[in-house]
Amino acid sequence: MPEQQSTHTSPSAPAANSGTQPPAQGQDLEKLAQQVAERVWQLWQQEVRQTRERRRPKGGK
């Protein structure tokens, strides 16, 4: 499976390679990163809300 692993970039790779990518690819990655960030934020907010509801005492507010 070394072929598969080589396709995955390590966390430090995008920062190191950011100046060497063609503009179009960089924009696509930026767009993808933005979408991922938004999705992660939504899921995190949802998780926080559910956790709050679970922790809230039944007799409380």
N, C-alpha and C. Protein backbone atom coordinates (compact mmCIF):
# COMPACT_ATOMS: atom_id res chain seq x y z
N MET A 1 0.79 -1.23 0.00
CA MET A 1 0.00 0.00 0.00
C MET A 1 0.82 1.29 0.00
N PRO A 2 2.10 1.25 -0.29
CA PRO A 2 2.88 2.51 -0.29
C PRO A 2 2.32 3.53 -1.28
N GLU A 3 1.73 3.05 -2.38
CA GLU A 3 1.18 3.98 -3.37
C GLU A 3 0.08 4.85 -2.74
N GLN A 4 -0.80 4.21 -1.98
CA GLN A 4 -1.89 4.96 -1.36
C GLN A 4 -1.35 5.99 -0.37
N GLN A 5 -0.40 5.58 0.44
CA GLN A 5 0.14 6.49 1.44
C GLN A 5 0.80 7.71 0.80
N SER A 6 1.43 7.52 -0.34
CA SER A 6 2.12 8.64 -0.98
C SER A 6 1.14 9.70 -1.48
N THR A 7 -0.13 9.32 -1.69
CA THR A 7 -1.11 10.30 -2.16
C THR A 7 -1.59 11.19 -1.02
N HIS A 8 -1.47 10.70 0.20
CA HIS A 8 -1.89 11.51 1.34
C HIS A 8 -0.76 12.44 1.75
N THR A 9 -1.10 13.69 2.03
CA THR A 9 -0.07 14.64 2.45
C THR A 9 -0.05 14.72 3.97
N SER A 10 1.11 14.92 4.52
CA SER A 10 1.21 15.09 5.97
C SER A 10 0.74 16.50 6.33
N PRO A 11 0.38 16.72 7.60
CA PRO A 11 -0.13 18.05 8.00
C PRO A 11 0.79 19.20 7.64
N SER A 12 2.09 18.96 7.61
CA SER A 12 3.03 20.05 7.32
C SER A 12 3.22 20.26 5.82
N ALA A 13 2.82 19.30 5.00
CA ALA A 13 3.05 19.39 3.56
C ALA A 13 2.35 20.57 2.89
N PRO A 14 1.05 20.81 3.15
CA PRO A 14 0.39 21.93 2.46
C PRO A 14 1.07 23.28 2.70
N ALA A 15 1.52 23.52 3.91
CA ALA A 15 2.18 24.79 4.21
C ALA A 15 3.51 24.89 3.46
N ALA A 16 4.24 23.79 3.40
CA ALA A 16 5.54 23.79 2.74
C ALA A 16 5.40 23.94 1.23
N ASN A 17 4.32 23.37 0.66
CA ASN A 17 4.15 23.37 -0.79
C ASN A 17 3.26 24.50 -1.30
N SER A 18 2.76 25.33 -0.43
CA SER A 18 1.76 26.33 -0.83
C SER A 18 2.28 27.25 -1.95
N GLY A 19 3.57 27.53 -1.99
CA GLY A 19 4.10 28.44 -3.00
C GLY A 19 4.39 27.76 -4.33
N THR A 20 4.40 26.43 -4.36
CA THR A 20 4.80 25.71 -5.57
C THR A 20 3.62 25.22 -6.40
N GLN A 21 2.39 25.40 -5.91
CA GLN A 21 1.23 24.89 -6.64
C GLN A 21 0.76 25.89 -7.69
N PRO A 22 0.22 25.38 -8.80
CA PRO A 22 -0.40 26.28 -9.79
C PRO A 22 -1.59 27.01 -9.17
N PRO A 23 -1.88 28.22 -9.61
CA PRO A 23 -2.95 29.03 -9.00
C PRO A 23 -4.28 28.31 -8.96
N ALA A 24 -4.68 27.65 -10.05
CA ALA A 24 -5.98 26.98 -10.09
C ALA A 24 -6.08 25.91 -9.01
N GLN A 25 -5.04 25.10 -8.88
CA GLN A 25 -5.06 24.03 -7.88
C GLN A 25 -5.09 24.63 -6.48
N GLY A 26 -4.34 25.70 -6.28
CA GLY A 26 -4.33 26.36 -4.98
C GLY A 26 -5.71 26.87 -4.61
N GLN A 27 -6.41 27.45 -5.58
CA GLN A 27 -7.76 27.96 -5.32
C GLN A 27 -8.71 26.82 -5.00
N ASP A 28 -8.58 25.71 -5.73
CA ASP A 28 -9.44 24.56 -5.47
C ASP A 28 -9.21 24.04 -4.06
N LEU A 29 -7.95 23.95 -3.67
CA LEU A 29 -7.63 23.47 -2.33
C LEU A 29 -8.15 24.44 -1.28
N GLU A 30 -8.05 25.73 -1.58
CA GLU A 30 -8.55 26.74 -0.64
C GLU A 30 -10.06 26.59 -0.46
N LYS A 31 -10.74 26.39 -1.59
CA LYS A 31 -12.20 26.23 -1.56
C LYS A 31 -12.57 24.98 -0.76
N LEU A 32 -11.83 23.89 -1.02
CA LEU A 32 -12.08 22.64 -0.32
C LEU A 32 -11.82 22.80 1.17
N ALA A 33 -10.72 23.47 1.50
CA ALA A 33 -10.39 23.69 2.91
C ALA A 33 -11.49 24.50 3.59
N GLN A 34 -12.01 25.49 2.89
CA GLN A 34 -13.09 26.33 3.43
C GLN A 34 -14.33 25.47 3.70
N GLN A 35 -14.68 24.62 2.74
CA GLN A 35 -15.85 23.75 2.90
C GLN A 35 -15.67 22.80 4.08
N VAL A 36 -14.47 22.23 4.18
CA VAL A 36 -14.18 21.31 5.29
C VAL A 36 -14.29 22.04 6.62
N ALA A 37 -13.72 23.25 6.67
CA ALA A 37 -13.76 24.04 7.91
C ALA A 37 -15.20 24.34 8.31
N GLU A 38 -16.02 24.73 7.33
CA GLU A 38 -17.43 25.03 7.63
C GLU A 38 -18.15 23.79 8.13
N ARG A 39 -17.88 22.64 7.50
CA ARG A 39 -18.53 21.39 7.90
C ARG A 39 -18.12 21.00 9.31
N VAL A 40 -16.83 21.10 9.59
CA VAL A 40 -16.32 20.78 10.92
C VAL A 40 -16.97 21.69 11.95
N TRP A 41 -17.07 22.98 11.63
CA TRP A 41 -17.69 23.95 12.55
C TRP A 41 -19.14 23.58 12.83
N GLN A 42 -19.89 23.25 11.77
CA GLN A 42 -21.30 22.86 11.94
C GLN A 42 -21.42 21.63 12.83
N LEU A 43 -20.61 20.62 12.55
CA LEU A 43 -20.68 19.39 13.34
C LEU A 43 -20.30 19.66 14.79
N TRP A 44 -19.31 20.51 15.00
CA TRP A 44 -18.87 20.84 16.35
C TRP A 44 -19.97 21.57 17.11
N GLN A 45 -20.59 22.55 16.45
CA GLN A 45 -21.70 23.29 17.07
C GLN A 45 -22.83 22.33 17.45
N GLN A 46 -23.14 21.42 16.55
CA GLN A 46 -24.19 20.44 16.80
C GLN A 46 -23.84 19.60 18.02
N GLU A 47 -22.60 19.16 18.10
CA GLU A 47 -22.14 18.33 19.21
C GLU A 47 -22.23 19.11 20.52
N VAL A 48 -21.82 20.38 20.50
CA VAL A 48 -21.88 21.22 21.70
C VAL A 48 -23.32 21.36 22.17
N ARG A 49 -24.22 21.60 21.22
CA ARG A 49 -25.64 21.76 21.56
C ARG A 49 -26.18 20.49 22.22
N GLN A 50 -25.87 19.35 21.62
CA GLN A 50 -26.36 18.07 22.16
C GLN A 50 -25.78 17.81 23.54
N THR A 51 -24.51 18.13 23.72
CA THR A 51 -23.86 17.92 25.01
C THR A 51 -24.51 18.79 26.07
N ARG A 52 -24.80 20.05 25.73
CA ARG A 52 -25.46 20.95 26.68
C ARG A 52 -26.82 20.40 27.09
N GLU A 53 -27.57 19.92 26.09
CA GLU A 53 -28.91 19.39 26.37
C GLU A 53 -28.83 18.16 27.27
N ARG A 54 -27.83 17.33 27.06
CA ARG A 54 -27.67 16.13 27.88
C ARG A 54 -27.29 16.48 29.31
N ARG A 55 -26.44 17.49 29.46
CA ARG A 55 -25.96 17.86 30.79
C ARG A 55 -27.00 18.64 31.59
N ARG A 56 -27.93 19.29 30.89
CA ARG A 56 -28.91 20.14 31.55
C ARG A 56 -29.78 19.30 32.48
N PRO A 57 -29.89 19.69 33.75
CA PRO A 57 -30.75 18.94 34.68
C PRO A 57 -32.21 19.06 34.27
N LYS A 58 -32.98 17.98 34.49
CA LYS A 58 -34.38 17.98 34.03
C LYS A 58 -35.20 19.06 34.72
N GLY A 59 -34.88 19.39 35.97
CA GLY A 59 -35.64 20.40 36.70
C GLY A 59 -35.16 21.82 36.43
N GLY A 60 -34.01 21.95 35.77
CA GLY A 60 -33.42 23.28 35.55
C GLY A 60 -34.07 24.00 34.39
N LYS A 61 -33.42 25.13 33.98
CA LYS A 61 -33.95 25.93 32.87
C LYS A 61 -33.99 25.13 31.58
